[in-house]
């Protein structure tokens, strides 16, 4: 299964440990994650050499080719919101994970799209368990 992983880059990296653990677990479980580099601490530096238009075109190709979007939404991000909306408009399942106690936009929490799943976690380890469980459940339905 091809997973488009989305997380905050310029909006803040407070959940970077969760990003890395989630991506590492997905890769170890055999999922394809073309956006795995977003979990890297060096992502800001890596993305500076790519022009904005190239990022947009590349990421839209990855979104169109994915089976599911996994988004960590604890830190507000314009890009993550855009990717979630695009995923839903492409009829992709979208799994959003956020740290317990974080305020998440009502545009997400109030969204009743059946393709959108919100999961609240209390630790990066729990986030890993939840993402793998959700992906496994999704795989069984595909």
C-alpha atoms as a PDB file:
ATOM      1  CA  UNK A   1       0.000   0.000   0.000  1.00  0.00           C
ATOM      2  CA  UNK A   2       1.251   3.449  -0.924  1.00  0.00           C
ATOM      3  CA  UNK A   3       0.953   5.957   1.948  1.00  0.00           C
ATOM      4  CA  UNK A   4       1.192   9.720   1.527  1.00  0.00           C
ATOM      5  CA  UNK A   5       2.524  10.964   4.886  1.00  0.00           C
ATOM      6  CA  UNK A   6       1.823  14.594   5.702  1.00  0.00           C
ATOM      7  CA  UNK A   7       3.171  16.657   8.600  1.00  0.00           C
ATOM      8  CA  UNK A   8       4.070  20.215   9.478  1.00  0.00           C
ATOM      9  CA  UNK A   9       7.357  21.517   8.100  1.00  0.00           C
ATOM     10  CA  UNK A  10       7.437  25.306   8.250  1.00  0.00           C
ATOM     11  CA  UNK A  11       4.626  25.553  10.832  1.00  0.00           C
ATOM     12  CA  UNK A  12       6.724  23.869  13.520  1.00  0.00           C
ATOM     13  CA  UNK A  13       8.390  20.553  14.239  1.00  0.00           C
ATOM     14  CA  UNK A  14       7.295  19.885  17.840  1.00  0.00           C
ATOM     15  CA  UNK A  15       6.020  16.401  16.974  1.00  0.00           C
ATOM     16  CA  UNK A  16       9.076  15.397  14.950  1.00  0.00           C
ATOM     17  CA  UNK A  17       9.717  12.350  17.145  1.00  0.00           C
ATOM     18  CA  UNK A  18       6.198  11.087  16.400  1.00  0.00           C
ATOM     19  CA  UNK A  19       6.696  11.812  12.677  1.00  0.00           C
ATOM     20  CA  UNK A  20       9.897   9.755  12.584  1.00  0.00           C
ATOM     21  CA  UNK A  21       8.465   6.884  14.593  1.00  0.00           C
ATOM     22  CA  UNK A  22       5.297   6.722  12.495  1.00  0.00           C
ATOM     23  CA  UNK A  23       7.199   6.758   9.194  1.00  0.00           C
ATOM     24  CA  UNK A  24       9.809   4.258  10.407  1.00  0.00           C
ATOM     25  CA  UNK A  25       7.039   1.881  11.532  1.00  0.00           C
ATOM     26  CA  UNK A  26       5.169   2.193   8.233  1.00  0.00           C
ATOM     27  CA  UNK A  27       8.340   1.486   6.256  1.00  0.00           C
ATOM     28  CA  UNK A  28       9.229  -1.467   8.511  1.00  0.00           C
ATOM     29  CA  UNK A  29       5.721  -2.873   7.976  1.00  0.00           C
ATOM     30  CA  UNK A  30       6.293  -2.811   4.211  1.00  0.00           C
ATOM     31  CA  UNK A  31       4.299   0.268   3.253  1.00  0.00           C
ATOM     32  CA  UNK A  32       5.594   2.556   0.511  1.00  0.00           C
ATOM     33  CA  UNK A  33       5.979   6.102   1.854  1.00  0.00           C
ATOM     34  CA  UNK A  34       7.242   8.462  -0.875  1.00  0.00           C
ATOM     35  CA  UNK A  35       7.111  11.378   1.567  1.00  0.00           C
ATOM     36  CA  UNK A  36       9.198   9.618   4.251  1.00  0.00           C
ATOM     37  CA  UNK A  37      11.803  12.394   4.020  1.00  0.00           C
ATOM     38  CA  UNK A  38       9.317  14.781   5.684  1.00  0.00           C
ATOM     39  CA  UNK A  39       9.950  13.030   9.008  1.00  0.00           C
ATOM     40  CA  UNK A  40      13.681  13.768   8.797  1.00  0.00           C
ATOM     41  CA  UNK A  41      15.198  16.497  10.976  1.00  0.00           C
ATOM     42  CA  UNK A  42      16.969  17.728   7.818  1.00  0.00           C
ATOM     43  CA  UNK A  43      13.756  18.227   5.829  1.00  0.00           C
ATOM     44  CA  UNK A  44      13.921  22.038   5.970  1.00  0.00           C
ATOM     45  CA  UNK A  45      17.417  22.004   4.504  1.00  0.00           C
ATOM     46  CA  UNK A  46      16.536  19.333   1.928  1.00  0.00           C
ATOM     47  CA  UNK A  47      13.469  21.223   0.701  1.00  0.00           C
ATOM     48  CA  UNK A  48      15.345  24.536   0.236  1.00  0.00           C
ATOM     49  CA  UNK A  49      16.957  23.224  -2.954  1.00  0.00           C
ATOM     50  CA  UNK A  50      13.571  22.443  -4.544  1.00  0.00           C
ATOM     51  CA  UNK A  51      11.513  25.226  -6.113  1.00  0.00           C
ATOM     52  CA  UNK A  52       7.942  25.742  -4.825  1.00  0.00           C
ATOM     53  CA  UNK A  53       6.382  24.768  -8.158  1.00  0.00           C
ATOM     54  CA  UNK A  54       8.416  21.566  -8.233  1.00  0.00           C
ATOM     55  CA  UNK A  55       7.306  20.702  -4.685  1.00  0.00           C
ATOM     56  CA  UNK A  56       3.672  21.282  -5.629  1.00  0.00           C
ATOM     57  CA  UNK A  57       3.833  19.177  -8.799  1.00  0.00           C
ATOM     58  CA  UNK A  58       5.814  16.385  -7.111  1.00  0.00           C
ATOM     59  CA  UNK A  59       3.520  16.223  -4.099  1.00  0.00           C
ATOM     60  CA  UNK A  60       0.341  16.294  -6.194  1.00  0.00           C
ATOM     61  CA  UNK A  61       1.667  13.335  -8.240  1.00  0.00           C
ATOM     62  CA  UNK A  62       2.392  11.466  -4.996  1.00  0.00           C
ATOM     63  CA  UNK A  63      -1.084  12.292  -3.654  1.00  0.00           C
ATOM     64  CA  UNK A  64      -2.767  11.120  -6.835  1.00  0.00           C
ATOM     65  CA  UNK A  65      -0.788   7.867  -6.720  1.00  0.00           C
ATOM     66  CA  UNK A  66      -1.313   7.054  -3.072  1.00  0.00           C
ATOM     67  CA  UNK A  67      -3.821   4.648  -1.569  1.00  0.00           C
ATOM     68  CA  UNK A  68      -4.209   6.563   1.689  1.00  0.00           C
ATOM     69  CA  UNK A  69      -3.160   9.837   3.317  1.00  0.00           C
ATOM     70  CA  UNK A  70      -1.725   9.710   6.842  1.00  0.00           C
ATOM     71  CA  UNK A  71      -1.480  13.178   8.379  1.00  0.00           C
ATOM     72  CA  UNK A  72      -0.080  14.216  11.741  1.00  0.00           C
ATOM     73  CA  UNK A  73      -2.119  17.336  12.548  1.00  0.00           C
ATOM     74  CA  UNK A  74      -1.006  18.367  16.049  1.00  0.00           C
ATOM     75  CA  UNK A  75       0.795  21.426  14.643  1.00  0.00           C
ATOM     76  CA  UNK A  76      -1.322  23.645  12.377  1.00  0.00           C
ATOM     77  CA  UNK A  77      -0.015  23.769   8.799  1.00  0.00           C
ATOM     78  CA  UNK A  78      -1.409  25.282   5.604  1.00  0.00           C
ATOM     79  CA  UNK A  79       0.239  22.544   3.547  1.00  0.00           C
ATOM     80  CA  UNK A  80      -1.119  19.684   5.637  1.00  0.00           C
ATOM     81  CA  UNK A  81      -4.625  21.142   5.463  1.00  0.00           C
ATOM     82  CA  UNK A  82      -4.328  21.469   1.697  1.00  0.00           C
ATOM     83  CA  UNK A  83      -3.095  17.880   1.368  1.00  0.00           C
ATOM     84  CA  UNK A  84      -5.953  16.577   3.533  1.00  0.00           C
ATOM     85  CA  UNK A  85      -8.537  18.435   1.435  1.00  0.00           C
ATOM     86  CA  UNK A  86      -6.906  17.265  -1.787  1.00  0.00           C
ATOM     87  CA  UNK A  87      -6.812  13.676  -0.540  1.00  0.00           C
ATOM     88  CA  UNK A  88     -10.501  13.795   0.316  1.00  0.00           C
ATOM     89  CA  UNK A  89     -11.353  15.396  -3.038  1.00  0.00           C
ATOM     90  CA  UNK A  90      -9.505  12.517  -4.738  1.00  0.00           C
ATOM     91  CA  UNK A  91     -11.637  10.073  -2.669  1.00  0.00           C
ATOM     92  CA  UNK A  92      -8.595   8.828  -0.751  1.00  0.00           C
ATOM     93  CA  UNK A  93      -9.019   7.655   2.838  1.00  0.00           C
ATOM     94  CA  UNK A  94      -7.425  10.245   5.137  1.00  0.00           C
ATOM     95  CA  UNK A  95      -6.202   9.259   8.596  1.00  0.00           C
ATOM     96  CA  UNK A  96      -5.393  12.219  10.859  1.00  0.00           C
ATOM     97  CA  UNK A  97      -3.425  11.749  14.073  1.00  0.00           C
ATOM     98  CA  UNK A  98      -2.977  14.337  16.793  1.00  0.00           C
ATOM     99  CA  UNK A  99      -1.478  14.504  20.242  1.00  0.00           C
ATOM    100  CA  UNK A 100      -3.952  14.486  23.136  1.00  0.00           C
ATOM    101  CA  UNK A 101      -4.456  17.998  24.469  1.00  0.00           C
ATOM    102  CA  UNK A 102      -3.632  19.755  21.186  1.00  0.00           C
ATOM    103  CA  UNK A 103      -6.264  21.979  19.648  1.00  0.00           C
ATOM    104  CA  UNK A 104      -7.243  20.725  16.219  1.00  0.00           C
ATOM    105  CA  UNK A 105      -9.131  22.865  13.728  1.00  0.00           C
ATOM    106  CA  UNK A 106     -12.902  22.537  13.793  1.00  0.00           C
ATOM    107  CA  UNK A 107     -12.782  22.181  10.010  1.00  0.00           C
ATOM    108  CA  UNK A 108     -11.325  18.715  10.738  1.00  0.00           C
ATOM    109  CA  UNK A 109     -13.127  17.795  13.953  1.00  0.00           C
ATOM    110  CA  UNK A 110     -16.461  18.859  12.485  1.00  0.00           C
ATOM    111  CA  UNK A 111     -15.936  17.117   9.147  1.00  0.00           C
ATOM    112  CA  UNK A 112     -18.286  14.165   8.692  1.00  0.00           C
ATOM    113  CA  UNK A 113     -16.726  12.883   5.461  1.00  0.00           C
ATOM    114  CA  UNK A 114     -16.735   9.068   5.801  1.00  0.00           C
ATOM    115  CA  UNK A 115     -13.210   8.977   4.338  1.00  0.00           C
ATOM    116  CA  UNK A 116     -11.777  11.027   7.204  1.00  0.00           C
ATOM    117  CA  UNK A 117     -10.677   9.367  10.451  1.00  0.00           C
ATOM    118  CA  UNK A 118      -9.358  11.339  13.453  1.00  0.00           C
ATOM    119  CA  UNK A 119      -7.174   9.554  16.005  1.00  0.00           C
ATOM    120  CA  UNK A 120      -5.984  11.097  19.263  1.00  0.00           C
ATOM    121  CA  UNK A 121      -2.795   9.685  20.801  1.00  0.00           C
ATOM    122  CA  UNK A 122      -0.986  10.258  24.090  1.00  0.00           C
ATOM    123  CA  UNK A 123       2.572   9.272  23.107  1.00  0.00           C
ATOM    124  CA  UNK A 124       4.573   8.701  19.907  1.00  0.00           C
ATOM    125  CA  UNK A 125       4.518   4.987  20.704  1.00  0.00           C
ATOM    126  CA  UNK A 126       0.725   5.025  20.840  1.00  0.00           C
ATOM    127  CA  UNK A 127       0.650   6.968  17.549  1.00  0.00           C
ATOM    128  CA  UNK A 128       2.694   4.175  15.949  1.00  0.00           C
ATOM    129  CA  UNK A 129       0.316   1.502  17.250  1.00  0.00           C
ATOM    130  CA  UNK A 130      -2.693   3.469  16.027  1.00  0.00           C
ATOM    131  CA  UNK A 131      -1.348   4.180  12.544  1.00  0.00           C
ATOM    132  CA  UNK A 132      -0.408   0.539  11.987  1.00  0.00           C
ATOM    133  CA  UNK A 133      -3.804  -0.639  13.278  1.00  0.00           C
ATOM    134  CA  UNK A 134      -5.679   1.852  11.069  1.00  0.00           C
ATOM    135  CA  UNK A 135      -3.648   0.940   7.980  1.00  0.00           C
ATOM    136  CA  UNK A 136      -4.144  -2.784   8.619  1.00  0.00           C
ATOM    137  CA  UNK A 137      -7.894  -2.235   9.001  1.00  0.00           C
ATOM    138  CA  UNK A 138      -7.946  -0.218   5.788  1.00  0.00           C
ATOM    139  CA  UNK A 139      -5.970  -2.881   3.910  1.00  0.00           C
ATOM    140  CA  UNK A 140      -8.484  -5.522   4.919  1.00  0.00           C
ATOM    141  CA  UNK A 141     -11.253  -3.466   3.293  1.00  0.00           C
ATOM    142  CA  UNK A 142      -9.435  -2.769   0.013  1.00  0.00           C
END
